[in-house]
């Protein structure tokens, strides 16, 4: 390919994988705004509709580890185009679905193909750029990773409002088709002399079983009760399957994941930081729209517009961060990014219904700049610690770590938000007891005001108590969000330790 296209080939290859990545990241975020309409159209409950997101994330997380096998067994061109074809067919099936099950299956297939494409894209970048420019290549590739989440919620809201939820499945199709055309021209085929690796069926089954049990249990634990036999059984099954997966990968001749690469200290530390960054990206993308819609009364389109400037700023910071990652130790930009993310979360931890749109937007931008600073250095710094022959497996593993952080982070934040809201509701509900001083004072003021207006207080007291209950829940819900943001901030400060370890090993 370099002989055919010259030095420009690295940019042509980067454009090819960016198109695929943009299609996948659009699919990750754009359907979320359509979930209420899908629920109404098919008459399904939230417990079932949540698999539109959970199924996508679980399939994407599991199939990221299939990327290295697909690259070896099929070659870059066949693996890339094959995944894009399945993705397009799944998108068409989702948009033309006649049942909720059909929509969910299409989302699972889309997530599986997204899991294969993203590590393939990282592998291509690492192969076509010289060592001193790999950080720049990762930064430019990151534009495709970030543009999808930046514009996806806004475009999805507009499509749902103007057309229907079905339109959101068709939006990624143009970039998908264009990516296939580019792949035909600018990706290499498989070396026919290279033996095809075997497929680790048992490893895939154990990994999928662990992820499905874990994500289903964490998604439904609050609703069914964390001590219920079903939830405890699923959590135990997830743990057993995860341990069995690791043990099998250590014994398997052609493992799905070379677990031994985590024995490389720099790579293990980078994967831990990537896990935290995944929780930051997906966790805040989950919390912020929910907060501004439920607490501040924003529409879905306004919530998407709030995130869009931050996403664009993050995308623009990627090339700069990639340039820095080629010239400074990885812990410098990663540490700076973690501090900015933590600062953003701590400030958002004091936001309430009166916080202005642009104040929220500014602090979201601060957090996204931190992510933009850190992500290229995590990818580049982690892969640099591995032997070149392990780069494709390392790319799948570091992406797996980040995606797993996102999947578990969203579920953990959902649980934390529910539990902290319940806690604050219980505490504040004491105000509604007849012997509570605040309750007696509120009723005294209410009766005094009713007397001045010439209204019988007894007729309006039930309305006053209902209003007080609504105020209590709304305030408790706000405090639940604040606790969740503060918890995220603490996690990112703790992530400074593995970032420091990563930099220490990178200097050796």
Protein backbone atom coordinates (compact mmCIF):
# COMPACT_ATOMS: atom_id res chain seq x y z
CA UNK A 1 0.00 0.00 0.00
CA UNK A 2 2.84 2.41 0.72
CA UNK A 3 4.41 1.47 -2.62
CA UNK A 4 1.12 2.16 -4.37
CA UNK A 5 0.10 5.41 -2.67
CA UNK A 6 3.36 6.76 -1.24
CA UNK A 7 3.68 8.70 2.01
CA UNK A 8 0.06 9.89 1.75
CA UNK A 9 -1.14 6.35 2.46
CA UNK A 10 -1.10 6.84 6.23
CA UNK A 11 -3.65 9.64 5.87
CA UNK A 12 -5.82 7.61 3.47
CA UNK A 13 -5.80 4.67 5.90
CA UNK A 14 -6.64 7.00 8.79
CA UNK A 15 -9.58 8.48 6.89
CA UNK A 16 -10.84 4.95 6.15
CA UNK A 17 -10.89 3.82 9.76
CA UNK A 18 -12.27 7.18 10.94
CA UNK A 19 -15.35 6.69 8.74
CA UNK A 20 -16.03 3.32 10.31
CA UNK A 21 -15.41 4.61 13.81
CA UNK A 22 -17.70 7.59 13.25
CA UNK A 23 -20.49 5.25 12.12
CA UNK A 24 -20.09 3.09 15.22
CA UNK A 25 -19.93 5.95 17.72
CA UNK A 26 -23.01 7.55 16.14
CA UNK A 27 -24.87 4.30 16.67
CA UNK A 28 -23.69 4.16 20.28
CA UNK A 29 -25.34 7.43 21.33
CA UNK A 30 -28.00 8.35 18.80
CA UNK A 31 -30.59 5.69 19.73
CA UNK A 32 -30.71 6.75 23.39
CA UNK A 33 -32.89 9.78 22.66
CA UNK A 34 -35.35 7.56 20.76
CA UNK A 35 -35.91 5.04 23.58
CA UNK A 36 -39.08 6.73 24.98
CA UNK A 37 -40.69 6.68 21.51
CA UNK A 38 -39.71 3.03 20.98
CA UNK A 39 -41.25 2.15 24.35
CA UNK A 40 -44.49 3.92 23.40
CA UNK A 41 -44.60 2.40 19.92
CA UNK A 42 -44.22 -1.22 21.09
CA UNK A 43 -45.75 -0.82 24.57
CA UNK A 44 -42.70 -2.10 26.46
CA UNK A 45 -41.51 -1.20 29.96
CA UNK A 46 -38.23 0.44 30.94
CA UNK A 47 -36.87 -2.87 32.27
CA UNK A 48 -37.01 -4.24 28.73
CA UNK A 49 -36.17 -1.08 26.84
CA UNK A 50 -32.91 -0.64 28.75
CA UNK A 51 -31.49 -3.55 26.73
CA UNK A 52 -31.39 -1.22 23.74
CA UNK A 53 -28.42 0.36 25.51
CA UNK A 54 -27.22 -2.48 27.72
CA UNK A 55 -27.31 -5.02 24.88
CA UNK A 56 -25.29 -2.72 22.63
CA UNK A 57 -22.68 -2.07 25.32
CA UNK A 58 -22.38 -5.73 26.33
CA UNK A 59 -21.96 -6.92 22.73
CA UNK A 60 -19.49 -4.14 21.96
CA UNK A 61 -17.42 -4.90 25.05
CA UNK A 62 -17.26 -8.65 24.35
CA UNK A 63 -16.52 -8.38 20.63
CA UNK A 64 -13.66 -5.94 21.10
CA UNK A 65 -11.58 -9.00 21.96
CA UNK A 66 -12.57 -10.67 18.66
CA UNK A 67 -10.83 -7.91 16.73
CA UNK A 68 -7.35 -9.48 16.92
CA UNK A 69 -8.71 -12.87 15.75
CA UNK A 70 -10.64 -11.26 12.87
CA UNK A 71 -7.50 -9.40 11.76
CA UNK A 72 -5.40 -12.58 11.72
CA UNK A 73 -8.04 -14.91 10.28
CA UNK A 74 -9.60 -12.63 7.65
CA UNK A 75 -7.14 -9.81 7.02
CA UNK A 76 -7.80 -6.10 7.45
CA UNK A 77 -9.86 -5.61 4.31
CA UNK A 78 -12.21 -8.59 4.76
CA UNK A 79 -12.62 -8.03 8.51
CA UNK A 80 -13.39 -4.32 8.10
CA UNK A 81 -15.78 -4.70 5.18
CA UNK A 82 -17.46 -7.76 6.67
CA UNK A 83 -18.15 -5.97 9.93
CA UNK A 84 -19.50 -2.93 8.06
CA UNK A 85 -21.86 -5.12 5.98
CA UNK A 86 -23.32 -6.76 9.11
CA UNK A 87 -23.60 -3.34 10.77
CA UNK A 88 -25.53 -1.91 7.80
CA UNK A 89 -27.89 -4.89 7.68
CA UNK A 90 -28.49 -4.59 11.43
CA UNK A 91 -29.23 -0.86 11.07
CA UNK A 92 -31.76 -1.56 8.31
CA UNK A 93 -33.38 -4.30 10.41
CA UNK A 94 -33.62 -1.91 13.38
CA UNK A 95 -35.22 0.86 11.34
CA UNK A 96 -37.72 -1.55 9.74
CA UNK A 97 -38.46 -3.58 12.90
CA UNK A 98 -41.96 -4.84 13.55
CA UNK A 99 -41.35 -5.88 17.16
CA UNK A 100 -39.34 -4.79 20.18
CA UNK A 101 -37.32 -8.02 20.10
CA UNK A 102 -36.24 -7.26 16.54
CA UNK A 103 -35.04 -3.79 17.57
CA UNK A 104 -33.07 -5.22 20.52
CA UNK A 105 -31.43 -7.91 18.36
CA UNK A 106 -30.43 -5.30 15.80
CA UNK A 107 -28.83 -3.21 18.52
CA UNK A 108 -26.89 -6.22 19.84
CA UNK A 109 -25.57 -6.92 16.31
CA UNK A 110 -24.61 -3.26 15.87
CA UNK A 111 -22.75 -3.31 19.17
CA UNK A 112 -20.89 -6.49 18.20
CA UNK A 113 -19.67 -4.93 14.94
CA UNK A 114 -18.72 -1.72 16.71
CA UNK A 115 -16.60 -3.82 19.06
CA UNK A 116 -14.69 -5.31 16.12
CA UNK A 117 -14.20 -2.09 14.15
CA UNK A 118 -12.77 0.19 16.83
CA UNK A 119 -9.71 -1.95 17.77
CA UNK A 120 -9.09 -2.64 14.05
CA UNK A 121 -8.94 1.11 13.55
CA UNK A 122 -6.38 1.52 16.35
CA UNK A 123 -4.27 -1.28 14.90
CA UNK A 124 -4.20 0.38 11.48
CA UNK A 125 -3.10 3.70 12.99
CA UNK A 126 -0.31 2.02 14.91
CA UNK A 127 0.89 0.18 11.79
CA UNK A 128 0.89 3.01 9.23
CA UNK A 129 2.39 5.80 11.38
CA UNK A 130 6.07 5.78 12.36
CA UNK A 131 6.78 5.52 16.10
CA UNK A 132 7.35 9.25 16.55
CA UNK A 133 3.97 10.10 14.96
CA UNK A 134 1.70 7.47 16.47
CA UNK A 135 0.39 9.87 19.08
CA UNK A 136 -0.57 12.32 16.33
CA UNK A 137 -2.29 9.51 14.44
CA UNK A 138 -4.23 8.44 17.53
CA UNK A 139 -5.25 12.04 18.13
CA UNK A 140 -6.61 12.45 14.61
CA UNK A 141 -8.34 9.08 14.78
CA UNK A 142 -9.91 10.24 18.04
CA UNK A 143 -11.92 12.80 16.06
CA UNK A 144 -14.05 9.94 14.79
CA UNK A 145 -14.41 8.53 18.31
CA UNK A 146 -15.63 11.84 19.73
CA UNK A 147 -17.65 13.39 16.89
CA UNK A 148 -20.26 10.64 17.17
CA UNK A 149 -21.10 11.25 20.85
CA UNK A 150 -20.83 15.02 20.26
CA UNK A 151 -23.41 15.34 17.49
CA UNK A 152 -25.33 12.08 17.94
CA UNK A 153 -27.77 13.18 20.67
CA UNK A 154 -28.63 16.42 18.83
CA UNK A 155 -29.14 14.73 15.46
CA UNK A 156 -31.13 11.96 17.12
CA UNK A 157 -33.45 14.44 18.85
CA UNK A 158 -34.06 16.31 15.60
CA UNK A 159 -34.76 13.11 13.64
CA UNK A 160 -37.17 11.84 16.30
CA UNK A 161 -39.01 15.18 16.40
CA UNK A 162 -39.20 15.63 12.63
CA UNK A 163 -39.67 12.05 11.46
CA UNK A 164 -39.78 9.08 13.89
CA UNK A 165 -37.49 6.91 16.00
CA UNK A 166 -36.85 4.71 12.95
CA UNK A 167 -34.87 7.46 11.25
CA UNK A 168 -32.08 7.31 13.83
CA UNK A 169 -31.10 3.81 12.65
CA UNK A 170 -30.54 5.10 9.11
CA UNK A 171 -28.31 8.08 9.96
CA UNK A 172 -24.98 6.14 10.14
CA UNK A 173 -25.56 4.43 6.78
CA UNK A 174 -23.88 7.04 4.48
CA UNK A 175 -20.59 7.04 6.41
CA UNK A 176 -20.74 3.23 6.62
CA UNK A 177 -21.05 2.82 2.85
CA UNK A 178 -18.33 5.40 2.21
CA UNK A 179 -16.07 3.60 4.71
CA UNK A 180 -16.55 0.33 2.76
CA UNK A 181 -15.54 2.05 -0.50
CA UNK A 182 -12.43 3.48 1.16
CA UNK A 183 -11.62 0.06 2.61
CA UNK A 184 -11.71 -1.54 -0.84
CA UNK A 185 -9.11 0.97 -1.99
CA UNK A 186 -6.92 1.64 1.02
CA UNK A 187 -6.74 -1.48 3.22
CA UNK A 188 -4.53 -4.52 2.71
CA UNK A 189 -5.72 -8.07 2.25
CA UNK A 190 -4.65 -11.10 4.22
CA UNK A 191 -1.24 -12.69 3.79
CA UNK A 192 -2.14 -16.05 2.26
CA UNK A 193 0.99 -17.72 3.62
CA UNK A 194 0.04 -16.93 7.21
CA UNK A 195 -1.84 -19.77 8.98
CA UNK A 196 -5.35 -19.00 10.16
CA UNK A 197 -5.77 -18.97 13.95
CA UNK A 198 -8.42 -21.07 15.64
CA UNK A 199 -11.50 -19.49 17.18
CA UNK A 200 -11.87 -19.58 20.96
CA UNK A 201 -15.52 -20.59 21.23
CA UNK A 202 -15.35 -21.42 24.93
CA UNK A 203 -13.66 -18.11 25.75
CA UNK A 204 -16.36 -16.16 23.88
CA UNK A 205 -19.12 -18.08 25.66
CA UNK A 206 -17.62 -17.49 29.13
CA UNK A 207 -16.99 -13.80 28.45
CA UNK A 208 -20.50 -13.19 27.11
CA UNK A 209 -22.06 -15.10 30.03
CA UNK A 210 -20.12 -13.03 32.56
CA UNK A 211 -20.96 -9.69 30.93
CA UNK A 212 -24.64 -10.46 30.38
CA UNK A 213 -25.14 -11.69 33.95
CA UNK A 214 -23.25 -8.74 35.43
CA UNK A 215 -24.92 -6.03 33.35
CA UNK A 216 -28.41 -7.52 33.74
CA UNK A 217 -27.99 -7.85 37.51
CA UNK A 218 -26.65 -4.31 37.96
CA UNK A 219 -29.35 -2.90 35.69
CA UNK A 220 -32.19 -4.57 37.60
CA UNK A 221 -30.81 -4.89 41.12
CA UNK A 222 -32.46 -1.72 42.36
CA UNK A 223 -35.84 -2.75 40.91
CA UNK A 224 -35.83 -6.38 42.08
CA UNK A 225 -33.83 -5.90 45.27
CA UNK A 226 -30.11 -6.53 45.69
CA UNK A 227 -30.72 -9.37 48.12
CA UNK A 228 -33.17 -11.21 45.86
CA UNK A 229 -32.13 -14.76 44.90
CA UNK A 230 -32.16 -13.92 41.19
CA UNK A 231 -29.80 -10.94 41.51
CA UNK A 232 -27.43 -12.74 43.90
CA UNK A 233 -27.41 -15.78 41.62
CA UNK A 234 -26.61 -13.68 38.56
CA UNK A 235 -23.80 -11.85 40.33
CA UNK A 236 -22.34 -15.17 41.48
CA UNK A 237 -22.64 -16.57 37.95
CA UNK A 238 -20.89 -13.47 36.55
CA UNK A 239 -18.00 -13.91 38.98
CA UNK A 240 -17.65 -17.65 38.29
CA UNK A 241 -17.75 -17.09 34.51
CA UNK A 242 -15.16 -14.28 34.74
CA UNK A 243 -12.74 -16.42 36.77
CA UNK A 244 -13.27 -19.36 34.41
CA UNK A 245 -12.62 -17.06 31.43
CA UNK A 246 -9.28 -15.87 32.85
CA UNK A 247 -8.18 -19.41 33.73
CA UNK A 248 -9.16 -20.68 30.29
CA UNK A 249 -7.31 -17.84 28.56
CA UNK A 250 -4.15 -18.80 30.46
CA UNK A 251 -4.42 -22.42 29.25
CA UNK A 252 -5.77 -21.91 25.73
CA UNK A 253 -3.21 -22.18 22.89
CA UNK A 254 -4.93 -19.44 20.87
CA UNK A 255 -6.63 -17.28 23.51
CA UNK A 256 -9.23 -14.68 22.79
CA UNK A 257 -7.32 -12.35 25.12
CA UNK A 258 -3.66 -12.79 25.96
CA UNK A 259 -4.13 -12.23 29.69
CA UNK A 260 -0.37 -12.27 30.18
CA UNK A 261 -0.03 -8.84 28.55
CA UNK A 262 -1.52 -7.42 31.76
CA UNK A 263 1.66 -8.63 33.48
CA UNK A 264 3.40 -5.74 31.68
CA UNK A 265 3.12 -3.07 34.40
CA UNK A 266 2.84 -0.08 32.05
CA UNK A 267 0.10 -1.72 30.01
CA UNK A 268 -1.84 -2.82 33.11
CA UNK A 269 -1.68 0.70 34.54
CA UNK A 270 -2.79 2.18 31.21
CA UNK A 271 -5.73 -0.22 31.04
CA UNK A 272 -6.79 0.80 34.57
CA UNK A 273 -6.71 4.47 33.60
CA UNK A 274 -8.60 3.65 30.40
CA UNK A 275 -11.28 1.97 32.52
CA UNK A 276 -11.70 5.22 34.49
CA UNK A 277 -11.80 7.34 31.33
CA UNK A 278 -14.51 5.09 29.92
CA UNK A 279 -16.54 5.59 33.08
CA UNK A 280 -16.00 9.35 32.71
CA UNK A 281 -17.11 9.55 29.09
CA UNK A 282 -20.16 7.29 29.27
CA UNK A 283 -21.03 8.13 32.87
CA UNK A 284 -21.20 11.89 32.39
CA UNK A 285 -22.94 11.45 29.04
CA UNK A 286 -25.59 9.51 30.97
CA UNK A 287 -25.88 11.81 34.00
CA UNK A 288 -25.78 15.27 32.42
CA UNK A 289 -28.71 14.94 29.96
CA UNK A 290 -30.79 13.24 32.65
CA UNK A 291 -30.01 16.01 35.14
CA UNK A 292 -30.81 18.92 32.83
CA UNK A 293 -34.06 17.30 31.63
CA UNK A 294 -35.42 16.03 34.95
CA UNK A 295 -34.13 18.78 37.25
CA UNK A 296 -33.79 21.84 35.02
CA UNK A 297 -36.64 21.10 32.60
CA UNK A 298 -34.63 21.03 29.35
CA UNK A 299 -36.01 19.34 26.25
CA UNK A 300 -34.13 16.42 24.66
CA UNK A 301 -32.81 18.69 21.90
CA UNK A 302 -31.63 21.28 24.44
CA UNK A 303 -29.87 18.55 26.40
CA UNK A 304 -28.09 17.45 23.23
CA UNK A 305 -27.13 21.04 22.45
CA UNK A 306 -25.60 21.32 25.92
CA UNK A 307 -23.26 18.42 25.19
CA UNK A 308 -22.40 19.37 21.62
CA UNK A 309 -19.96 22.28 22.29
CA UNK A 310 -18.09 20.12 24.81
CA UNK A 311 -17.87 17.27 22.32
CA UNK A 312 -16.55 19.53 19.58
CA UNK A 313 -13.97 21.08 21.91
CA UNK A 314 -12.90 17.60 22.95
CA UNK A 315 -12.56 16.56 19.31
CA UNK A 316 -10.41 19.61 18.53
CA UNK A 317 -8.17 18.88 21.52
CA UNK A 318 -7.40 15.36 20.31
CA UNK A 319 -4.78 16.25 17.65
CA UNK A 320 -3.02 18.58 20.11
CA UNK A 321 -3.07 15.90 22.79
CA UNK A 322 -1.78 13.34 20.28
CA UNK A 323 1.09 15.67 19.37
CA UNK A 324 1.95 16.06 23.06
CA UNK A 325 1.85 12.32 23.67
CA UNK A 326 4.73 11.90 21.19
CA UNK A 327 6.89 14.36 23.12
CA UNK A 328 6.15 14.06 26.85
CA UNK A 329 5.70 11.08 29.18
CA UNK A 330 2.10 9.80 29.13
CA UNK A 331 1.38 10.57 32.79
CA UNK A 332 1.71 14.34 32.16
CA UNK A 333 -1.29 14.83 29.83
CA UNK A 334 -3.21 11.99 31.52
CA UNK A 335 -2.72 13.51 34.98
CA UNK A 336 -3.75 16.96 33.73
CA UNK A 337 -6.82 15.42 32.10
CA UNK A 338 -7.84 13.57 35.25
CA UNK A 339 -7.55 16.74 37.34
CA UNK A 340 -9.74 18.66 34.86
CA UNK A 341 -12.37 15.87 34.80
CA UNK A 342 -12.40 15.70 38.61
CA UNK A 343 -12.72 19.50 38.86
CA UNK A 344 -15.64 19.45 36.41
CA UNK A 345 -17.41 16.71 38.40
CA UNK A 346 -16.87 18.46 41.74
CA UNK A 347 -18.34 21.74 40.43
CA UNK A 348 -21.27 19.91 38.79
CA UNK A 349 -21.78 18.29 42.19
CA UNK A 350 -23.13 21.66 43.40
CA UNK A 351 -25.41 22.34 40.42
CA UNK A 352 -29.15 22.61 40.99
CA UNK A 353 -32.32 23.72 39.21
CA UNK A 354 -31.15 27.36 39.14
CA UNK A 355 -27.75 26.72 37.51
CA UNK A 356 -27.61 28.46 34.13
CA UNK A 357 -27.24 26.76 30.73
CA UNK A 358 -23.85 28.29 29.94
CA UNK A 359 -22.49 27.62 33.43
CA UNK A 360 -23.33 23.95 32.94
CA UNK A 361 -21.93 24.01 29.41
CA UNK A 362 -18.64 25.56 30.56
CA UNK A 363 -17.93 22.94 33.21
CA UNK A 364 -18.92 20.13 30.87
CA UNK A 365 -16.40 21.57 28.39
CA UNK A 366 -13.71 21.58 31.11
CA UNK A 367 -14.31 17.86 31.71
CA UNK A 368 -14.26 17.05 28.00
CA UNK A 369 -10.98 18.90 27.53
CA UNK A 370 -9.57 16.67 30.24
CA UNK A 371 -10.75 13.58 28.38
CA UNK A 372 -9.29 14.92 25.14
CA UNK A 373 -5.93 15.41 26.82
CA UNK A 374 -5.80 11.94 28.30
CA UNK A 375 -7.24 9.46 25.81
CA UNK A 376 -4.53 9.63 23.08
CA UNK A 377 -1.77 9.23 25.68
CA UNK A 378 -3.56 6.23 27.24
CA UNK A 379 -3.77 4.47 23.88
CA UNK A 380 -0.26 5.34 22.70
CA UNK A 381 1.47 4.89 26.06
CA UNK A 382 -0.17 1.51 26.70
CA UNK A 383 0.66 0.03 23.30
CA UNK A 384 4.25 1.29 23.36
CA UNK A 385 4.97 -0.99 26.31
CA UNK A 386 4.12 -4.11 24.26
CA UNK A 387 6.06 -6.09 21.69
CA UNK A 388 4.98 -5.08 18.17
CA UNK A 389 3.50 -8.56 17.57
CA UNK A 390 1.11 -8.00 20.49
CA UNK A 391 -0.15 -4.59 19.33
CA UNK A 392 -3.38 -5.92 17.80
CA UNK A 393 -4.27 -7.83 20.96
CA UNK A 394 -3.21 -4.86 23.08
CA UNK A 395 -5.47 -2.54 21.07
CA UNK A 396 -8.40 -4.86 21.70
CA UNK A 397 -7.58 -5.14 25.39
CA UNK A 398 -7.20 -1.40 26.05
CA UNK A 399 -10.43 -0.70 24.17
CA UNK A 400 -12.09 -3.49 26.11
CA UNK A 401 -10.96 -1.90 29.38
CA UNK A 402 -12.32 1.51 28.40
CA UNK A 403 -15.61 0.10 27.13
CA UNK A 404 -16.03 -2.09 30.20
CA UNK A 405 -15.48 1.01 32.34
CA UNK A 406 -18.22 2.76 30.39
CA UNK A 407 -20.70 -0.11 30.67
CA UNK A 408 -20.13 -0.70 34.37
CA UNK A 409 -19.82 3.02 35.07
CA UNK A 410 -23.25 3.80 33.65
CA UNK A 411 -24.86 0.97 35.61
CA UNK A 412 -23.05 1.92 38.81
CA UNK A 413 -24.09 5.56 38.47
CA UNK A 414 -27.69 4.54 37.84
CA UNK A 415 -27.67 2.47 41.03
CA UNK A 416 -25.91 5.21 43.02
CA UNK A 417 -28.38 7.83 41.81
CA UNK A 418 -31.37 5.72 42.84
CA UNK A 419 -29.96 4.80 46.24
CA UNK A 420 -28.83 8.32 47.15
CA UNK A 421 -32.16 9.76 46.00
CA UNK A 422 -33.98 7.23 48.19
CA UNK A 423 -31.69 8.05 51.12
CA UNK A 424 -32.26 11.81 50.85
CA UNK A 425 -36.00 11.26 50.38
CA UNK A 426 -36.17 9.26 53.60
CA UNK A 427 -34.23 11.89 55.51
CA UNK A 428 -36.19 14.85 54.14
CA UNK A 429 -39.55 13.08 54.45
CA UNK A 430 -39.29 13.50 58.21
CA UNK A 431 -40.36 17.08 57.59
CA UNK A 432 -43.80 15.74 56.71
CA UNK A 433 -44.38 14.21 60.13
CA UNK A 434 -46.78 16.15 62.30
CA UNK A 435 -44.35 16.51 65.21
CA UNK A 436 -41.46 17.83 63.12
CA UNK A 437 -40.72 21.53 63.87
CA UNK A 438 -40.28 22.41 60.20
CA UNK A 439 -43.61 20.81 59.35
CA UNK A 440 -45.44 22.68 62.12
CA UNK A 441 -43.84 25.98 61.08
CA UNK A 442 -44.78 25.46 57.42
CA UNK A 443 -48.42 24.76 58.32
CA UNK A 444 -48.50 27.78 60.66
CA UNK A 445 -47.29 30.05 57.87
CA UNK A 446 -49.74 28.46 55.45
CA UNK A 447 -52.71 29.01 57.80
CA UNK A 448 -51.63 32.60 58.41
CA UNK A 449 -51.43 33.27 54.66
CA UNK A 450 -54.80 31.59 54.04
CA UNK A 451 -56.35 33.73 56.77
CA UNK A 452 -55.06 36.92 55.17
CA UNK A 453 -56.54 35.82 51.83
CA UNK A 454 -59.86 34.92 53.43
CA UNK A 455 -59.59 31.22 52.47
CA UNK A 456 -60.48 28.33 54.77
CA UNK A 457 -57.11 26.68 55.61
CA UNK A 458 -58.56 23.18 56.02
CA UNK A 459 -59.67 23.08 52.38
CA UNK A 460 -56.16 23.75 51.06
CA UNK A 461 -54.04 21.80 53.53
CA UNK A 462 -54.10 18.53 51.47
CA UNK A 463 -52.81 20.46 48.44
CA UNK A 464 -50.10 22.03 50.59
CA UNK A 465 -48.98 18.62 51.85
CA UNK A 466 -48.89 17.18 48.32
CA UNK A 467 -46.85 20.16 47.20
CA UNK A 468 -44.48 19.62 50.12
CA UNK A 469 -44.05 15.96 49.10
CA UNK A 470 -43.19 16.96 45.53
CA UNK A 471 -40.68 19.49 46.79
CA UNK A 472 -39.07 16.89 49.06
CA UNK A 473 -38.67 14.36 46.23
CA UNK A 474 -37.37 16.93 43.75
CA UNK A 475 -34.81 18.19 46.26
CA UNK A 476 -33.78 14.61 47.12
CA UNK A 477 -33.42 13.81 43.40
CA UNK A 478 -31.19 16.87 42.99
CA UNK A 479 -29.04 15.79 45.94
CA UNK A 480 -28.80 12.30 44.42
CA UNK A 481 -27.36 13.79 41.23
CA UNK A 482 -24.96 15.92 43.23
CA UNK A 483 -23.71 12.89 45.17
CA UNK A 484 -23.21 10.99 41.91
CA UNK A 485 -21.11 13.78 40.37
CA UNK A 486 -19.03 14.06 43.55
CA UNK A 487 -18.44 10.29 43.58
CA UNK A 488 -17.19 10.48 39.98
CA UNK A 489 -14.79 13.25 40.96
CA UNK A 490 -13.30 11.11 43.74
CA UNK A 491 -12.83 8.18 41.35
CA UNK A 492 -10.85 10.33 38.91
CA UNK A 493 -8.59 11.64 41.64
CA UNK A 494 -7.89 8.04 42.68
CA UNK A 495 -7.04 7.25 39.04
CA UNK A 496 -4.02 9.57 39.34
CA UNK A 497 -2.14 6.71 41.03
CA UNK A 498 -2.23 4.24 38.07
CA UNK A 499 -1.51 7.21 35.76
CA UNK A 500 1.63 7.92 37.81
CA UNK A 501 2.62 4.25 37.63
CA UNK A 502 2.15 4.28 33.87
CA UNK A 503 4.46 7.27 33.50
CA UNK A 504 7.03 5.75 35.84
CA UNK A 505 7.29 2.56 33.78
CA UNK A 506 7.29 4.56 30.53
CA UNK A 507 10.43 6.41 31.69
CA UNK A 508 12.33 3.19 32.46
